[in-house]
Amino acid sequence: MQFLFRLAKGEGTCYCTDVISKTKKARILKGAQVHEKDSGSPEVQISILTARIDELAAHLKKHNKDNHSRRGLLGLVASRQAHMKYLEKKNPKRYASLVKKLGLKKSV
């Protein structure tokens, strides 16, 4: 409880890396949207997951013994893989363009 109080006052540091800032998320949304009000298409979800994975991977390079975050990273990767598999099955053209845009490897 004391730790949370100190964080609320601005003292200390929070290493919560699984949250993307609003501005970064808005930028990702603009780049991946299929239409103007799109926030839930597979492209948007995969793009947001990719950004979270990149941030968490950078955190783990610095803190290589953080196994709790590593487990979270594995969950994010599995979720992204499932979204990509869905998109590949439903619309291969959109899948191919997203893989090319994000620079990801194609799933096997």
C-alpha atoms as a PDB file:
ATOM      1  CA  MET A   1       0.000   0.000   0.000  1.00  0.00           C
ATOM      2  CA  GLN A   2       2.816   2.352   0.851  1.00  0.00           C
ATOM      3  CA  PHE A   3       4.429   1.694  -2.528  1.00  0.00           C
ATOM      4  CA  LEU A   4       1.220   2.605  -4.361  1.00  0.00           C
ATOM      5  CA  PHE A   5       0.921   5.801  -2.342  1.00  0.00           C
ATOM      6  CA  ARG A   6       4.471   6.820  -3.220  1.00  0.00           C
ATOM      7  CA  LEU A   7       3.783   6.156  -6.905  1.00  0.00           C
ATOM      8  CA  ALA A   8       0.651   8.290  -6.755  1.00  0.00           C
ATOM      9  CA  LYS A   9       2.708  11.158  -5.345  1.00  0.00           C
ATOM     10  CA  GLY A  10       5.204  10.834  -8.179  1.00  0.00           C
ATOM     11  CA  GLU A  11       7.938   9.153  -6.186  1.00  0.00           C
ATOM     12  CA  GLY A  12       9.483   5.940  -7.411  1.00  0.00           C
ATOM     13  CA  THR A  13       9.275   4.246 -10.763  1.00  0.00           C
ATOM     14  CA  CYS A  14       6.688   1.897 -12.201  1.00  0.00           C
ATOM     15  CA  TYR A  15       8.024  -0.665 -14.642  1.00  0.00           C
ATOM     16  CA  CYS A  16       4.647  -1.547 -16.113  1.00  0.00           C
ATOM     17  CA  THR A  17       5.570  -1.946 -19.785  1.00  0.00           C
ATOM     18  CA  ASP A  18       2.459  -3.697 -21.053  1.00  0.00           C
ATOM     19  CA  VAL A  19       0.521  -0.457 -21.432  1.00  0.00           C
ATOM     20  CA  ILE A  20       0.970   1.667 -24.550  1.00  0.00           C
ATOM     21  CA  SER A  21       0.565   5.426 -24.225  1.00  0.00           C
ATOM     22  CA  LYS A  22      -2.583   6.956 -25.703  1.00  0.00           C
ATOM     23  CA  THR A  23      -0.675   8.930 -28.309  1.00  0.00           C
ATOM     24  CA  LYS A  24       1.285   5.889 -29.476  1.00  0.00           C
ATOM     25  CA  LYS A  25      -1.893   3.810 -29.627  1.00  0.00           C
ATOM     26  CA  ALA A  26      -3.662   6.542 -31.632  1.00  0.00           C
ATOM     27  CA  ARG A  27      -0.747   6.630 -34.090  1.00  0.00           C
ATOM     28  CA  ILE A  28      -0.907   2.842 -34.464  1.00  0.00           C
ATOM     29  CA  LEU A  29      -4.671   3.013 -35.014  1.00  0.00           C
ATOM     30  CA  LYS A  30      -4.307   5.608 -37.782  1.00  0.00           C
ATOM     31  CA  GLY A  31      -1.746   3.468 -39.573  1.00  0.00           C
ATOM     32  CA  ALA A  32      -3.741   0.237 -39.421  1.00  0.00           C
ATOM     33  CA  GLN A  33      -7.390   1.300 -39.671  1.00  0.00           C
ATOM     34  CA  VAL A  34      -9.501  -0.167 -42.451  1.00  0.00           C
ATOM     35  CA  HIS A  35     -12.040   2.677 -42.156  1.00  0.00           C
ATOM     36  CA  GLU A  36     -12.305   5.893 -40.134  1.00  0.00           C
ATOM     37  CA  LYS A  37     -13.880   4.508 -36.945  1.00  0.00           C
ATOM     38  CA  ASP A  38     -12.117   1.163 -37.015  1.00  0.00           C
ATOM     39  CA  SER A  39     -10.689   0.056 -33.673  1.00  0.00           C
ATOM     40  CA  GLY A  40     -11.278  -3.689 -33.634  1.00  0.00           C
ATOM     41  CA  SER A  41     -10.334  -5.125 -36.999  1.00  0.00           C
ATOM     42  CA  PRO A  42      -7.686  -7.851 -37.015  1.00  0.00           C
ATOM     43  CA  GLU A  43      -5.185  -5.429 -38.591  1.00  0.00           C
ATOM     44  CA  VAL A  44      -5.572  -2.948 -35.730  1.00  0.00           C
ATOM     45  CA  GLN A  45      -5.431  -5.634 -33.065  1.00  0.00           C
ATOM     46  CA  ILE A  46      -2.324  -7.229 -34.576  1.00  0.00           C
ATOM     47  CA  SER A  47      -0.631  -3.830 -34.871  1.00  0.00           C
ATOM     48  CA  ILE A  48      -1.325  -2.985 -31.215  1.00  0.00           C
ATOM     49  CA  LEU A  49      -0.147  -6.427 -30.091  1.00  0.00           C
ATOM     50  CA  THR A  50       3.026  -5.987 -32.143  1.00  0.00           C
ATOM     51  CA  ALA A  51       3.766  -2.660 -30.448  1.00  0.00           C
ATOM     52  CA  ARG A  52       3.210  -4.194 -27.010  1.00  0.00           C
ATOM     53  CA  ILE A  53       5.427  -7.151 -27.920  1.00  0.00           C
ATOM     54  CA  ASP A  54       8.200  -4.816 -29.079  1.00  0.00           C
ATOM     55  CA  GLU A  55       8.045  -2.799 -25.844  1.00  0.00           C
ATOM     56  CA  LEU A  56       8.038  -5.914 -23.688  1.00  0.00           C
ATOM     57  CA  ALA A  57      10.905  -7.473 -25.653  1.00  0.00           C
ATOM     58  CA  ALA A  58      12.978  -4.327 -25.087  1.00  0.00           C
ATOM     59  CA  HIS A  59      12.155  -4.507 -21.370  1.00  0.00           C
ATOM     60  CA  LEU A  60      13.237  -8.150 -21.232  1.00  0.00           C
ATOM     61  CA  LYS A  61      16.542  -7.401 -22.933  1.00  0.00           C
ATOM     62  CA  LYS A  62      17.287  -5.006 -20.085  1.00  0.00           C
ATOM     63  CA  HIS A  63      15.784  -7.193 -17.323  1.00  0.00           C
ATOM     64  CA  ASN A  64      16.504 -10.712 -18.520  1.00  0.00           C
ATOM     65  CA  LYS A  65      15.483 -12.419 -15.242  1.00  0.00           C
ATOM     66  CA  ASP A  66      11.961 -10.976 -15.259  1.00  0.00           C
ATOM     67  CA  ASN A  67      10.122 -14.246 -15.839  1.00  0.00           C
ATOM     68  CA  HIS A  68       6.685 -12.836 -15.012  1.00  0.00           C
ATOM     69  CA  SER A  69       6.933 -10.388 -17.898  1.00  0.00           C
ATOM     70  CA  ARG A  70       8.347 -13.135 -20.104  1.00  0.00           C
ATOM     71  CA  ARG A  71       5.189 -15.170 -19.487  1.00  0.00           C
ATOM     72  CA  GLY A  72       3.094 -12.162 -20.463  1.00  0.00           C
ATOM     73  CA  LEU A  73       5.145 -11.783 -23.633  1.00  0.00           C
ATOM     74  CA  LEU A  74       4.464 -15.403 -24.578  1.00  0.00           C
ATOM     75  CA  GLY A  75       0.741 -14.793 -24.116  1.00  0.00           C
ATOM     76  CA  LEU A  76       0.866 -11.715 -26.344  1.00  0.00           C
ATOM     77  CA  VAL A  77       2.758 -13.614 -29.029  1.00  0.00           C
ATOM     78  CA  ALA A  78       0.212 -16.444 -28.912  1.00  0.00           C
ATOM     79  CA  SER A  79      -2.649 -13.963 -29.166  1.00  0.00           C
ATOM     80  CA  ARG A  80      -1.051 -12.203 -32.132  1.00  0.00           C
ATOM     81  CA  GLN A  81      -0.442 -15.547 -33.816  1.00  0.00           C
ATOM     82  CA  ALA A  82      -4.106 -16.488 -33.390  1.00  0.00           C
ATOM     83  CA  HIS A  83      -5.245 -13.149 -34.838  1.00  0.00           C
ATOM     84  CA  MET A  84      -2.880 -13.567 -37.772  1.00  0.00           C
ATOM     85  CA  LYS A  85      -4.093 -17.104 -38.431  1.00  0.00           C
ATOM     86  CA  TYR A  86      -7.686 -15.834 -38.435  1.00  0.00           C
ATOM     87  CA  LEU A  87      -6.875 -13.002 -40.846  1.00  0.00           C
ATOM     88  CA  GLU A  88      -4.939 -15.331 -43.155  1.00  0.00           C
ATOM     89  CA  LYS A  89      -7.914 -17.689 -43.288  1.00  0.00           C
ATOM     90  CA  LYS A  90     -10.527 -14.954 -43.850  1.00  0.00           C
ATOM     91  CA  ASN A  91      -8.651 -12.609 -46.184  1.00  0.00           C
ATOM     92  CA  PRO A  92      -5.209 -13.632 -47.485  1.00  0.00           C
ATOM     93  CA  LYS A  93      -4.648 -10.335 -49.347  1.00  0.00           C
ATOM     94  CA  ARG A  94      -5.118  -8.225 -46.205  1.00  0.00           C
ATOM     95  CA  TYR A  95      -2.927 -10.684 -44.309  1.00  0.00           C
ATOM     96  CA  ALA A  96      -0.112 -10.397 -46.840  1.00  0.00           C
ATOM     97  CA  SER A  97      -0.231  -6.587 -46.849  1.00  0.00           C
ATOM     98  CA  LEU A  98      -0.207  -6.459 -43.030  1.00  0.00           C
ATOM     99  CA  VAL A  99       2.755  -8.851 -42.784  1.00  0.00           C
ATOM    100  CA  LYS A 100       4.638  -6.709 -45.280  1.00  0.00           C
ATOM    101  CA  LYS A 101       3.738  -3.440 -43.518  1.00  0.00           C
ATOM    102  CA  LEU A 102       4.694  -4.653 -40.035  1.00  0.00           C
ATOM    103  CA  GLY A 103       7.751  -6.569 -41.227  1.00  0.00           C
ATOM    104  CA  LEU A 104       6.647  -9.833 -39.630  1.00  0.00           C
ATOM    105  CA  LYS A 105       7.452 -13.353 -40.702  1.00  0.00           C
ATOM    106  CA  LYS A 106       4.652 -15.321 -42.281  1.00  0.00           C
ATOM    107  CA  SER A 107       3.224 -18.011 -40.027  1.00  0.00           C
ATOM    108  CA  VAL A 108       3.900 -21.562 -41.114  1.00  0.00           C
END
